[in-house]
């Protein structure tokens, strides 16, 4: 009751409150419009980025498949034979001759 009495005794105070509420409402509406506009323009950019990410993921899968195929034992065996490597028939190794050993 006391608060209501203060507003009646100061009519310019209630006008200031009403005007400030109107200004705050208008500013909030303008901010809302700006945010919606920005989100719509960023939405197109997000869709474009998602498409390019999907293309890159597909390319990654293709490259992973090529890498798996190239690193398979069969492919490595064929490549080694083409380069002149062959399987070992007799194992040769060097024997320890005892040089520079603490005996």
PDB file of N, CA and C in Angstrom:
ATOM      1  N   UNK A   1       0.827  -1.184   0.000  1.00  0.00           N
ATOM      2  CA  UNK A   1       0.000   0.000   0.000  1.00  0.00           C
ATOM      3  C   UNK A   1       0.871   1.246   0.000  1.00  0.00           C
ATOM      4  N   UNK A   2       1.948   1.200   0.730  1.00  0.00           N
ATOM      5  CA  UNK A   2       2.848   2.332   0.822  1.00  0.00           C
ATOM      6  C   UNK A   2       3.468   2.640  -0.542  1.00  0.00           C
ATOM      7  N   UNK A   3       3.854   1.605  -1.299  1.00  0.00           N
ATOM      8  CA  UNK A   3       4.445   1.785  -2.619  1.00  0.00           C
ATOM      9  C   UNK A   3       3.451   2.418  -3.587  1.00  0.00           C
ATOM     10  N   UNK A   4       2.218   1.985  -3.535  1.00  0.00           N
ATOM     11  CA  UNK A   4       1.187   2.543  -4.393  1.00  0.00           C
ATOM     12  C   UNK A   4       0.964   4.028  -4.081  1.00  0.00           C
ATOM     13  N   UNK A   5       1.037   4.379  -2.865  1.00  0.00           N
ATOM     14  CA  UNK A   5       0.871   5.769  -2.458  1.00  0.00           C
ATOM     15  C   UNK A   5       2.012   6.629  -3.019  1.00  0.00           C
ATOM     16  N   UNK A   6       3.241   6.089  -3.040  1.00  0.00           N
ATOM     17  CA  UNK A   6       4.382   6.832  -3.578  1.00  0.00           C
ATOM     18  C   UNK A   6       4.189   7.103  -5.065  1.00  0.00           C
ATOM     19  N   UNK A   7       3.680   6.118  -5.795  1.00  0.00           N
ATOM     20  CA  UNK A   7       3.465   6.326  -7.227  1.00  0.00           C
ATOM     21  C   UNK A   7       2.395   7.378  -7.491  1.00  0.00           C
ATOM     22  N   UNK A   8       1.389   7.423  -6.666  1.00  0.00           N
ATOM     23  CA  UNK A   8       0.332   8.421  -6.867  1.00  0.00           C
ATOM     24  C   UNK A   8       0.831   9.822  -6.540  1.00  0.00           C
ATOM     25  N   UNK A   9       1.723   9.909  -5.593  1.00  0.00           N
ATOM     26  CA  UNK A   9       2.217  11.233  -5.219  1.00  0.00           C
ATOM     27  C   UNK A   9       3.262  11.749  -6.207  1.00  0.00           C
ATOM     28  N   UNK A  10       3.892  10.867  -6.975  1.00  0.00           N
ATOM     29  CA  UNK A  10       4.874  11.273  -7.992  1.00  0.00           C
ATOM     30  C   UNK A  10       4.424  10.763  -9.363  1.00  0.00           C
ATOM     31  N   UNK A  11       3.577  11.470 -10.076  1.00  0.00           N
ATOM     32  CA  UNK A  11       3.079  10.979 -11.359  1.00  0.00           C
ATOM     33  C   UNK A  11       4.175  10.919 -12.427  1.00  0.00           C
ATOM     34  N   UNK A  12       5.170  11.781 -12.348  1.00  0.00           N
ATOM     35  CA  UNK A  12       6.237  11.756 -13.347  1.00  0.00           C
ATOM     36  C   UNK A  12       7.089  10.488 -13.200  1.00  0.00           C
ATOM     37  N   UNK A  13       7.123   9.913 -11.986  1.00  0.00           N
ATOM     38  CA  UNK A  13       7.876   8.683 -11.749  1.00  0.00           C
ATOM     39  C   UNK A  13       7.237   7.508 -12.485  1.00  0.00           C
ATOM     40  N   UNK A  14       5.916   7.426 -12.461  1.00  0.00           N
ATOM     41  CA  UNK A  14       5.244   6.341 -13.169  1.00  0.00           C
ATOM     42  C   UNK A  14       5.409   6.505 -14.676  1.00  0.00           C
ATOM     43  N   UNK A  15       5.430   7.740 -15.165  1.00  0.00           N
ATOM     44  CA  UNK A  15       5.668   7.967 -16.602  1.00  0.00           C
ATOM     45  C   UNK A  15       7.074   7.533 -16.988  1.00  0.00           C
ATOM     46  N   UNK A  16       8.036   7.812 -16.120  1.00  0.00           N
ATOM     47  CA  UNK A  16       9.410   7.400 -16.408  1.00  0.00           C
ATOM     48  C   UNK A  16       9.521   5.872 -16.454  1.00  0.00           C
ATOM     49  N   UNK A  17       8.835   5.226 -15.538  1.00  0.00           N
ATOM     50  CA  UNK A  17       8.873   3.754 -15.521  1.00  0.00           C
ATOM     51  C   UNK A  17       8.229   3.198 -16.771  1.00  0.00           C
ATOM     52  N   UNK A  18       7.094   3.740 -17.159  1.00  0.00           N
ATOM     53  CA  UNK A  18       6.403   3.262 -18.369  1.00  0.00           C
ATOM     54  C   UNK A  18       7.255   3.526 -19.604  1.00  0.00           C
ATOM     55  N   UNK A  19       7.827   4.730 -19.701  1.00  0.00           N
ATOM     56  CA  UNK A  19       8.675   5.051 -20.855  1.00  0.00           C
ATOM     57  C   UNK A  19       9.922   4.170 -20.889  1.00  0.00           C
ATOM     58  N   UNK A  20      10.515   3.929 -19.735  1.00  0.00           N
ATOM     59  CA  UNK A  20      11.707   3.075 -19.717  1.00  0.00           C
ATOM     60  C   UNK A  20      11.352   1.642 -20.097  1.00  0.00           C
ATOM     61  N   UNK A  21      10.174   1.150 -19.681  1.00  0.00           N
ATOM     62  CA  UNK A  21       9.734  -0.193 -20.078  1.00  0.00           C
ATOM     63  C   UNK A  21       9.502  -0.274 -21.584  1.00  0.00           C
ATOM     64  N   UNK A  22       8.924   0.777 -22.138  1.00  0.00           N
ATOM     65  CA  UNK A  22       8.695   0.810 -23.597  1.00  0.00           C
ATOM     66  C   UNK A  22      10.025   0.807 -24.330  1.00  0.00           C
ATOM     67  N   UNK A  23      10.978   1.602 -23.865  1.00  0.00           N
ATOM     68  CA  UNK A  23      12.296   1.663 -24.511  1.00  0.00           C
ATOM     69  C   UNK A  23      13.002   0.312 -24.411  1.00  0.00           C
ATOM     70  N   UNK A  24      12.937  -0.311 -23.255  1.00  0.00           N
ATOM     71  CA  UNK A  24      13.565  -1.625 -23.073  1.00  0.00           C
ATOM     72  C   UNK A  24      12.915  -2.648 -23.986  1.00  0.00           C
ATOM     73  N   UNK A  25      11.595  -2.590 -24.124  1.00  0.00           N
ATOM     74  CA  UNK A  25      10.883  -3.527 -25.004  1.00  0.00           C
ATOM     75  C   UNK A  25      11.293  -3.325 -26.462  1.00  0.00           C
ATOM     76  N   UNK A  26      11.399  -2.075 -26.893  1.00  0.00           N
ATOM     77  CA  UNK A  26      11.795  -1.793 -28.279  1.00  0.00           C
ATOM     78  C   UNK A  26      13.224  -2.254 -28.531  1.00  0.00           C
ATOM     79  N   UNK A  27      14.101  -1.971 -27.577  1.00  0.00           N
ATOM     80  CA  UNK A  27      15.496  -2.412 -27.735  1.00  0.00           C
ATOM     81  C   UNK A  27      15.568  -3.935 -27.774  1.00  0.00           C
ATOM     82  N   UNK A  28      14.832  -4.612 -26.926  1.00  0.00           N
ATOM     83  CA  UNK A  28      14.825  -6.076 -26.918  1.00  0.00           C
ATOM     84  C   UNK A  28      14.279  -6.626 -28.236  1.00  0.00           C
ATOM     85  N   UNK A  29      13.259  -6.001 -28.779  1.00  0.00           N
ATOM     86  CA  UNK A  29      12.703  -6.447 -30.064  1.00  0.00           C
ATOM     87  C   UNK A  29      13.729  -6.265 -31.180  1.00  0.00           C
ATOM     88  N   UNK A  30      14.436  -5.132 -31.179  1.00  0.00           N
ATOM     89  CA  UNK A  30      15.459  -4.894 -32.205  1.00  0.00           C
ATOM     90  C   UNK A  30      16.601  -5.900 -32.087  1.00  0.00           C
ATOM     91  N   UNK A  31      16.984  -6.198 -30.874  1.00  0.00           N
ATOM     92  CA  UNK A  31      18.040  -7.198 -30.678  1.00  0.00           C
ATOM     93  C   UNK A  31      17.571  -8.567 -31.158  1.00  0.00           C
ATOM     94  N   UNK A  32      16.328  -8.900 -30.879  1.00  0.00           N
ATOM     95  CA  UNK A  32      15.766 -10.183 -31.324  1.00  0.00           C
ATOM     96  C   UNK A  32      15.766 -10.267 -32.847  1.00  0.00           C
ATOM     97  N   UNK A  33      15.369  -9.203 -33.517  1.00  0.00           N
ATOM     98  CA  UNK A  33      15.355  -9.174 -34.987  1.00  0.00           C
ATOM     99  C   UNK A  33      16.773  -9.335 -35.522  1.00  0.00           C
ATOM    100  N   UNK A  34      17.734  -8.642 -34.911  1.00  0.00           N
ATOM    101  CA  UNK A  34      19.120  -8.735 -35.357  1.00  0.00           C
ATOM    102  C   UNK A  34      19.665 -10.150 -35.189  1.00  0.00           C
ATOM    103  N   UNK A  35      19.354 -10.785 -34.047  1.00  0.00           N
ATOM    104  CA  UNK A  35      19.839 -12.139 -33.788  1.00  0.00           C
ATOM    105  C   UNK A  35      19.251 -13.129 -34.793  1.00  0.00           C
ATOM    106  N   UNK A  36      17.974 -13.019 -35.068  1.00  0.00           N
ATOM    107  CA  UNK A  36      17.338 -13.920 -36.030  1.00  0.00           C
ATOM    108  C   UNK A  36      17.944 -13.730 -37.414  1.00  0.00           C
ATOM    109  N   UNK A  37      18.213 -12.489 -37.790  1.00  0.00           N
ATOM    110  CA  UNK A  37      18.830 -12.213 -39.085  1.00  0.00           C
ATOM    111  C   UNK A  37      20.230 -12.819 -39.155  1.00  0.00           C
ATOM    112  N   UNK A  38      21.023 -12.671 -38.108  1.00  0.00           N
ATOM    113  CA  UNK A  38      22.373 -13.212 -38.098  1.00  0.00           C
ATOM    114  C   UNK A  38      22.338 -14.747 -38.149  1.00  0.00           C
ATOM    115  N   UNK A  39      21.409 -15.345 -37.427  1.00  0.00           N
ATOM    116  CA  UNK A  39      21.317 -16.801 -37.424  1.00  0.00           C
ATOM    117  C   UNK A  39      20.939 -17.340 -38.799  1.00  0.00           C
ATOM    118  N   UNK A  40      20.085 -16.624 -39.504  1.00  0.00           N
ATOM    119  CA  UNK A  40      19.695 -17.103 -40.830  1.00  0.00           C
ATOM    120  C   UNK A  40      20.861 -17.024 -41.806  1.00  0.00           C
ATOM    121  N   UNK A  41      21.668 -15.981 -41.712  1.00  0.00           N
ATOM    122  CA  UNK A  41      22.824 -15.892 -42.613  1.00  0.00           C
ATOM    123  C   UNK A  41      23.901 -16.895 -42.210  1.00  0.00           C
ATOM    124  N   UNK A  42      24.076 -17.105 -40.930  1.00  0.00           N
ATOM    125  CA  UNK A  42      25.043 -18.100 -40.499  1.00  0.00           C
ATOM    126  C   UNK A  42      24.560 -19.508 -40.789  1.00  0.00           C
ATOM    127  N   UNK A  43      23.277 -19.700 -40.871  1.00  0.00           N
ATOM    128  CA  UNK A  43      22.729 -21.018 -41.203  1.00  0.00           C
ATOM    129  C   UNK A  43      23.190 -21.489 -42.566  1.00  0.00           C
ATOM    130  N   UNK A  44      23.214 -20.583 -43.537  1.00  0.00           N
ATOM    131  CA  UNK A  44      23.694 -20.937 -44.873  1.00  0.00           C
ATOM    132  C   UNK A  44      25.168 -21.309 -44.834  1.00  0.00           C
ATOM    133  N   UNK A  45      25.942 -20.581 -44.075  1.00  0.00           N
ATOM    134  CA  UNK A  45      27.366 -20.894 -43.957  1.00  0.00           C
ATOM    135  C   UNK A  45      27.575 -22.231 -43.265  1.00  0.00           C
ATOM    136  N   UNK A  46      26.767 -22.516 -42.265  1.00  0.00           N
ATOM    137  CA  UNK A  46      26.877 -23.787 -41.554  1.00  0.00           C
ATOM    138  C   UNK A  46      26.543 -24.944 -42.491  1.00  0.00           C
ATOM    139  N   UNK A  47      25.515 -24.789 -43.297  1.00  0.00           N
ATOM    140  CA  UNK A  47      25.148 -25.841 -44.256  1.00  0.00           C
ATOM    141  C   UNK A  47      26.281 -26.067 -45.247  1.00  0.00           C
ATOM    142  N   UNK A  48      26.890 -24.989 -45.725  1.00  0.00           N
ATOM    143  CA  UNK A  48      28.017 -25.105 -46.649  1.00  0.00           C
ATOM    144  C   UNK A  48      29.190 -25.828 -45.998  1.00  0.00           C
ATOM    145  N   UNK A  49      29.474 -25.495 -44.754  1.00  0.00           N
ATOM    146  CA  UNK A  49      30.576 -26.155 -44.045  1.00  0.00           C
ATOM    147  C   UNK A  49      30.276 -27.636 -43.798  1.00  0.00           C
ATOM    148  N   UNK A  50      29.022 -27.959 -43.495  1.00  0.00           N
ATOM    149  CA  UNK A  50      28.651 -29.357 -43.290  1.00  0.00           C
ATOM    150  C   UNK A  50      28.801 -30.152 -44.582  1.00  0.00           C
ATOM    151  N   UNK A  51      28.435 -29.554 -45.717  1.00  0.00           N
ATOM    152  CA  UNK A  51      28.598 -30.243 -47.010  1.00  0.00           C
ATOM    153  C   UNK A  51      30.066 -30.507 -47.295  1.00  0.00           C
ATOM    154  N   UNK A  52      30.908 -29.505 -47.074  1.00  0.00           N
ATOM    155  CA  UNK A  52      32.334 -29.711 -47.337  1.00  0.00           C
ATOM    156  C   UNK A  52      32.922 -30.722 -46.355  1.00  0.00           C
ATOM    157  N   UNK A  53      32.436 -30.759 -45.123  1.00  0.00           N
ATOM    158  CA  UNK A  53      32.907 -31.757 -44.158  1.00  0.00           C
ATOM    159  C   UNK A  53      32.509 -33.158 -44.615  1.00  0.00           C
ATOM    160  N   UNK A  54      31.312 -33.314 -45.152  1.00  0.00           N
ATOM    161  CA  UNK A  54      30.878 -34.624 -45.659  1.00  0.00           C
ATOM    162  C   UNK A  54      31.732 -35.067 -46.839  1.00  0.00           C
ATOM    163  N   UNK A  55      32.063 -34.124 -47.727  1.00  0.00           N
ATOM    164  CA  UNK A  55      32.916 -34.454 -48.874  1.00  0.00           C
ATOM    165  C   UNK A  55      34.291 -34.892 -48.387  1.00  0.00           C
ATOM    166  N   UNK A  56      34.836 -34.180 -47.407  1.00  0.00           N
ATOM    167  CA  UNK A  56      36.156 -34.533 -46.875  1.00  0.00           C
ATOM    168  C   UNK A  56      36.137 -35.881 -46.166  1.00  0.00           C
ATOM    169  N   UNK A  57      35.062 -36.191 -45.461  1.00  0.00           N
ATOM    170  CA  UNK A  57      34.949 -37.500 -44.813  1.00  0.00           C
ATOM    171  C   UNK A  57      34.914 -38.620 -45.842  1.00  0.00           C
ATOM    172  N   UNK A  58      34.187 -38.415 -46.931  1.00  0.00           N
ATOM    173  CA  UNK A  58      34.125 -39.417 -47.994  1.00  0.00           C
ATOM    174  C   UNK A  58      35.503 -39.593 -48.633  1.00  0.00           C
ATOM    175  N   UNK A  59      36.187 -38.489 -48.893  1.00  0.00           N
ATOM    176  CA  UNK A  59      37.529 -38.559 -49.463  1.00  0.00           C
ATOM    177  C   UNK A  59      38.486 -39.270 -48.503  1.00  0.00           C
ATOM    178  N   UNK A  60      38.345 -39.033 -47.217  1.00  0.00           N
ATOM    179  CA  UNK A  60      39.162 -39.715 -46.210  1.00  0.00           C
ATOM    180  C   UNK A  60      38.940 -41.224 -46.259  1.00  0.00           C
ATOM    181  N   UNK A  61      37.691 -41.638 -46.386  1.00  0.00           N
ATOM    182  CA  UNK A  61      37.387 -43.069 -46.456  1.00  0.00           C
ATOM    183  C   UNK A  61      38.012 -43.703 -47.693  1.00  0.00           C
ATOM    184  N   UNK A  62      37.922 -43.008 -48.826  1.00  0.00           N
ATOM    185  CA  UNK A  62      38.508 -43.527 -50.066  1.00  0.00           C
ATOM    186  C   UNK A  62      40.023 -43.658 -49.913  1.00  0.00           C
ATOM    187  N   UNK A  63      40.650 -42.622 -49.352  1.00  0.00           N
ATOM    188  CA  UNK A  63      42.104 -42.667 -49.165  1.00  0.00           C
ATOM    189  C   UNK A  63      42.511 -43.742 -48.164  1.00  0.00           C
ATOM    190  N   UNK A  64      41.713 -43.946 -47.113  1.00  0.00           N
ATOM    191  CA  UNK A  64      42.009 -45.010 -46.151  1.00  0.00           C
ATOM    192  C   UNK A  64      41.935 -46.383 -46.825  1.00  0.00           C
ATOM    193  N   UNK A  65      40.939 -46.562 -47.709  1.00  0.00           N
ATOM    194  CA  UNK A  65      40.818 -47.832 -48.434  1.00  0.00           C
ATOM    195  C   UNK A  65      42.018 -48.053 -49.348  1.00  0.00           C
ATOM    196  N   UNK A  66      42.451 -46.989 -50.040  1.00  0.00           N
ATOM    197  CA  UNK A  66      43.630 -47.114 -50.906  1.00  0.00           C
ATOM    198  C   UNK A  66      44.875 -47.442 -50.095  1.00  0.00           C
ATOM    199  N   UNK A  67      45.020 -46.808 -48.944  1.00  0.00           N
ATOM    200  CA  UNK A  67      46.167 -47.068 -48.078  1.00  0.00           C
ATOM    201  C   UNK A  67      46.145 -48.499 -47.562  1.00  0.00           C
ATOM    202  N   UNK A  68      44.975 -48.979 -47.164  1.00  0.00           N
ATOM    203  CA  UNK A  68      44.858 -50.356 -46.680  1.00  0.00           C
ATOM    204  C   UNK A  68      45.216 -51.350 -47.779  1.00  0.00           C
ATOM    205  N   UNK A  69      44.771 -51.058 -48.988  1.00  0.00           N
ATOM    206  CA  UNK A  69      45.076 -51.957 -50.102  1.00  0.00           C
ATOM    207  C   UNK A  69      46.572 -51.936 -50.402  1.00  0.00           C
ATOM    208  N   UNK A  70      47.168 -50.731 -50.430  1.00  0.00           N
ATOM    209  CA  UNK A  70      48.594 -50.622 -50.757  1.00  0.00           C
ATOM    210  C   UNK A  70      49.477 -51.219 -49.678  1.00  0.00           C
ATOM    211  N   UNK A  71      49.019 -51.242 -48.439  1.00  0.00           N
ATOM    212  CA  UNK A  71      49.846 -51.777 -47.358  1.00  0.00           C
ATOM    213  C   UNK A  71      49.527 -53.239 -47.039  1.00  0.00           C
ATOM    214  N   UNK A  72      48.726 -53.878 -47.867  1.00  0.00           N
ATOM    215  CA  UNK A  72      48.431 -55.283 -47.623  1.00  0.00           C
ATOM    216  C   UNK A  72      49.659 -56.128 -47.973  1.00  0.00           C
ATOM    217  N   UNK A  73      49.779 -57.292 -47.366  1.00  0.00           N
ATOM    218  CA  UNK A  73      50.942 -58.150 -47.581  1.00  0.00           C
ATOM    219  C   UNK A  73      51.061 -58.603 -49.032  1.00  0.00           C
ATOM    220  N   UNK A  74      49.948 -58.841 -49.661  1.00  0.00           N
ATOM    221  CA  UNK A  74      49.972 -59.286 -51.056  1.00  0.00           C
ATOM    222  C   UNK A  74      50.556 -58.199 -51.951  1.00  0.00           C
ATOM    223  N   UNK A  75      50.117 -56.960 -51.770  1.00  0.00           N
ATOM    224  CA  UNK A  75      50.630 -55.853 -52.580  1.00  0.00           C
ATOM    225  C   UNK A  75      52.116 -55.605 -52.303  1.00  0.00           C
ATOM    226  N   UNK A  76      52.509 -55.704 -51.040  1.00  0.00           N
ATOM    227  CA  UNK A  76      53.915 -55.497 -50.693  1.00  0.00           C
ATOM    228  C   UNK A  76      54.772 -56.606 -51.310  1.00  0.00           C
ATOM    229  N   UNK A  77      54.276 -57.842 -51.307  1.00  0.00           N
ATOM    230  CA  UNK A  77      54.999 -58.964 -51.908  1.00  0.00           C
ATOM    231  C   UNK A  77      55.185 -58.745 -53.407  1.00  0.00           C
ATOM    232  N   UNK A  78      54.126 -58.309 -54.089  1.00  0.00           N
ATOM    233  CA  UNK A  78      54.216 -58.049 -55.536  1.00  0.00           C
ATOM    234  C   UNK A  78      55.205 -56.920 -55.815  1.00  0.00           C
ATOM    235  N   UNK A  79      55.157 -55.872 -55.045  1.00  0.00           N
ATOM    236  CA  UNK A  79      56.060 -54.742 -55.228  1.00  0.00           C
ATOM    237  C   UNK A  79      57.509 -55.159 -54.957  1.00  0.00           C
ATOM    238  N   UNK A  80      57.734 -55.958 -53.943  1.00  0.00           N
ATOM    239  CA  UNK A  80      59.087 -56.417 -53.630  1.00  0.00           C
ATOM    240  C   UNK A  80      59.645 -57.275 -54.753  1.00  0.00           C
ATOM    241  N   UNK A  81      58.841 -58.149 -55.311  1.00  0.00           N
ATOM    242  CA  UNK A  81      59.302 -58.980 -56.433  1.00  0.00           C
ATOM    243  C   UNK A  81      59.605 -58.121 -57.651  1.00  0.00           C
ATOM    244  N   UNK A  82      58.805 -57.095 -57.902  1.00  0.00           N
ATOM    245  CA  UNK A  82      59.070 -56.201 -59.030  1.00  0.00           C
ATOM    246  C   UNK A  82      60.376 -55.429 -58.839  1.00  0.00           C
ATOM    247  N   UNK A  83      60.747 -55.163 -57.586  1.00  0.00           N
ATOM    248  CA  UNK A  83      61.984 -54.438 -57.303  1.00  0.00           C
ATOM    249  C   UNK A  83      63.200 -55.354 -57.225  1.00  0.00           C
ATOM    250  N   UNK A  84      63.010 -56.655 -57.381  1.00  0.00           N
ATOM    251  CA  UNK A  84      64.126 -57.585 -57.415  1.00  0.00           C
ATOM    252  C   UNK A  84      64.373 -58.320 -56.120  1.00  0.00           C
ATOM    253  N   UNK A  85      63.547 -58.168 -55.148  1.00  0.00           N
ATOM    254  CA  UNK A  85      63.706 -58.913 -53.901  1.00  0.00           C
ATOM    255  C   UNK A  85      63.151 -60.316 -54.096  1.00  0.00           C
ATOM    256  N   UNK A  86      63.747 -61.271 -53.400  1.00  0.00           N
ATOM    257  CA  UNK A  86      63.249 -62.640 -53.465  1.00  0.00           C
ATOM    258  C   UNK A  86      63.316 -63.249 -52.079  1.00  0.00           C
ATOM    259  N   UNK A  87      62.675 -64.375 -51.928  1.00  0.00           N
ATOM    260  CA  UNK A  87      62.656 -65.000 -50.604  1.00  0.00           C
ATOM    261  C   UNK A  87      64.021 -65.601 -50.296  1.00  0.00           C
ATOM    262  N   UNK A  88      64.353 -65.697 -49.040  1.00  0.00           N
ATOM    263  CA  UNK A  88      65.660 -66.166 -48.598  1.00  0.00           C
ATOM    264  C   UNK A  88      65.706 -67.689 -48.676  1.00  0.00           C
ATOM    265  N   UNK A  89      66.744 -68.201 -49.346  1.00  0.00           N
ATOM    266  CA  UNK A  89      66.900 -69.651 -49.444  1.00  0.00           C
ATOM    267  C   UNK A  89      67.891 -70.139 -48.396  1.00  0.00           C
ATOM    268  N   UNK A  90      68.959 -69.375 -48.169  1.00  0.00           N
ATOM    269  CA  UNK A  90      69.966 -69.764 -47.186  1.00  0.00           C
ATOM    270  C   UNK A  90      70.253 -68.534 -46.326  1.00  0.00           C
ATOM    271  N   UNK A  91      70.155 -68.684 -45.040  1.00  0.00           N
ATOM    272  CA  UNK A  91      70.389 -67.581 -44.120  1.00  0.00           C
ATOM    273  C   UNK A  91      71.882 -67.445 -43.885  1.00  0.00           C
ATOM    274  N   UNK A  92      72.398 -66.244 -44.063  1.00  0.00           N
ATOM    275  CA  UNK A  92      73.812 -65.970 -43.820  1.00  0.00           C
ATOM    276  C   UNK A  92      73.906 -64.932 -42.711  1.00  0.00           C
ATOM    277  N   UNK A  93      74.900 -65.123 -41.847  1.00  0.00           N
ATOM    278  CA  UNK A  93      75.096 -64.161 -40.768  1.00  0.00           C
ATOM    279  C   UNK A  93      76.574 -64.085 -40.439  1.00  0.00           C
ATOM    280  N   UNK A  94      76.985 -63.032 -39.804  1.00  0.00           N
ATOM    281  CA  UNK A  94      78.372 -62.841 -39.413  1.00  0.00           C
ATOM    282  C   UNK A  94      78.581 -63.411 -38.025  1.00  0.00           C
ATOM    283  N   UNK A  95      79.714 -64.092 -37.879  1.00  0.00           N
ATOM    284  CA  UNK A  95      80.033 -64.644 -36.571  1.00  0.00           C
ATOM    285  C   UNK A  95      80.813 -63.609 -35.770  1.00  0.00           C
ATOM    286  N   UNK A  96      80.706 -63.697 -34.480  1.00  0.00           N
ATOM    287  CA  UNK A  96      81.428 -62.821 -33.580  1.00  0.00           C
ATOM    288  C   UNK A  96      82.887 -63.218 -33.575  1.00  0.00           C
ATOM    289  N   UNK A  97      83.800 -62.278 -33.890  1.00  0.00           N
ATOM    290  CA  UNK A  97      85.207 -62.598 -33.930  1.00  0.00           C
ATOM    291  C   UNK A  97      85.944 -62.100 -32.693  1.00  0.00           C
ATOM    292  N   UNK A  98      85.272 -61.436 -31.803  1.00  0.00           N
ATOM    293  CA  UNK A  98      85.849 -61.098 -30.518  1.00  0.00           C
ATOM    294  C   UNK A  98      86.667 -59.811 -30.499  1.00  0.00           C
ATOM    295  N   UNK A  99      86.612 -59.000 -31.514  1.00  0.00           N
ATOM    296  CA  UNK A  99      87.351 -57.747 -31.523  1.00  0.00           C
ATOM    297  C   UNK A  99      86.605 -56.740 -30.676  1.00  0.00           C
ATOM    298  N   UNK A 100      87.348 -55.983 -29.880  1.00  0.00           N
ATOM    299  CA  UNK A 100      86.845 -54.913 -29.037  1.00  0.00           C
ATOM    300  C   UNK A 100      85.885 -55.439 -27.964  1.00  0.00           C
ATOM    301  N   UNK A 101      86.115 -56.671 -27.591  1.00  0.00           N
ATOM    302  CA  UNK A 101      85.330 -57.222 -26.483  1.00  0.00           C
ATOM    303  C   UNK A 101      86.214 -57.314 -25.265  1.00  0.00           C
ATOM    304  N   UNK A 102      85.653 -57.135 -24.123  1.00  0.00           N
ATOM    305  CA  UNK A 102      86.408 -57.274 -22.872  1.00  0.00           C
ATOM    306  C   UNK A 102      86.470 -58.743 -22.503  1.00  0.00           C
ATOM    307  N   UNK A 103      87.590 -59.358 -22.775  1.00  0.00           N
ATOM    308  CA  UNK A 103      87.752 -60.797 -22.446  1.00  0.00           C
ATOM    309  C   UNK A 103      88.739 -60.966 -21.331  1.00  0.00           C
TER     310      UNK A 103
END
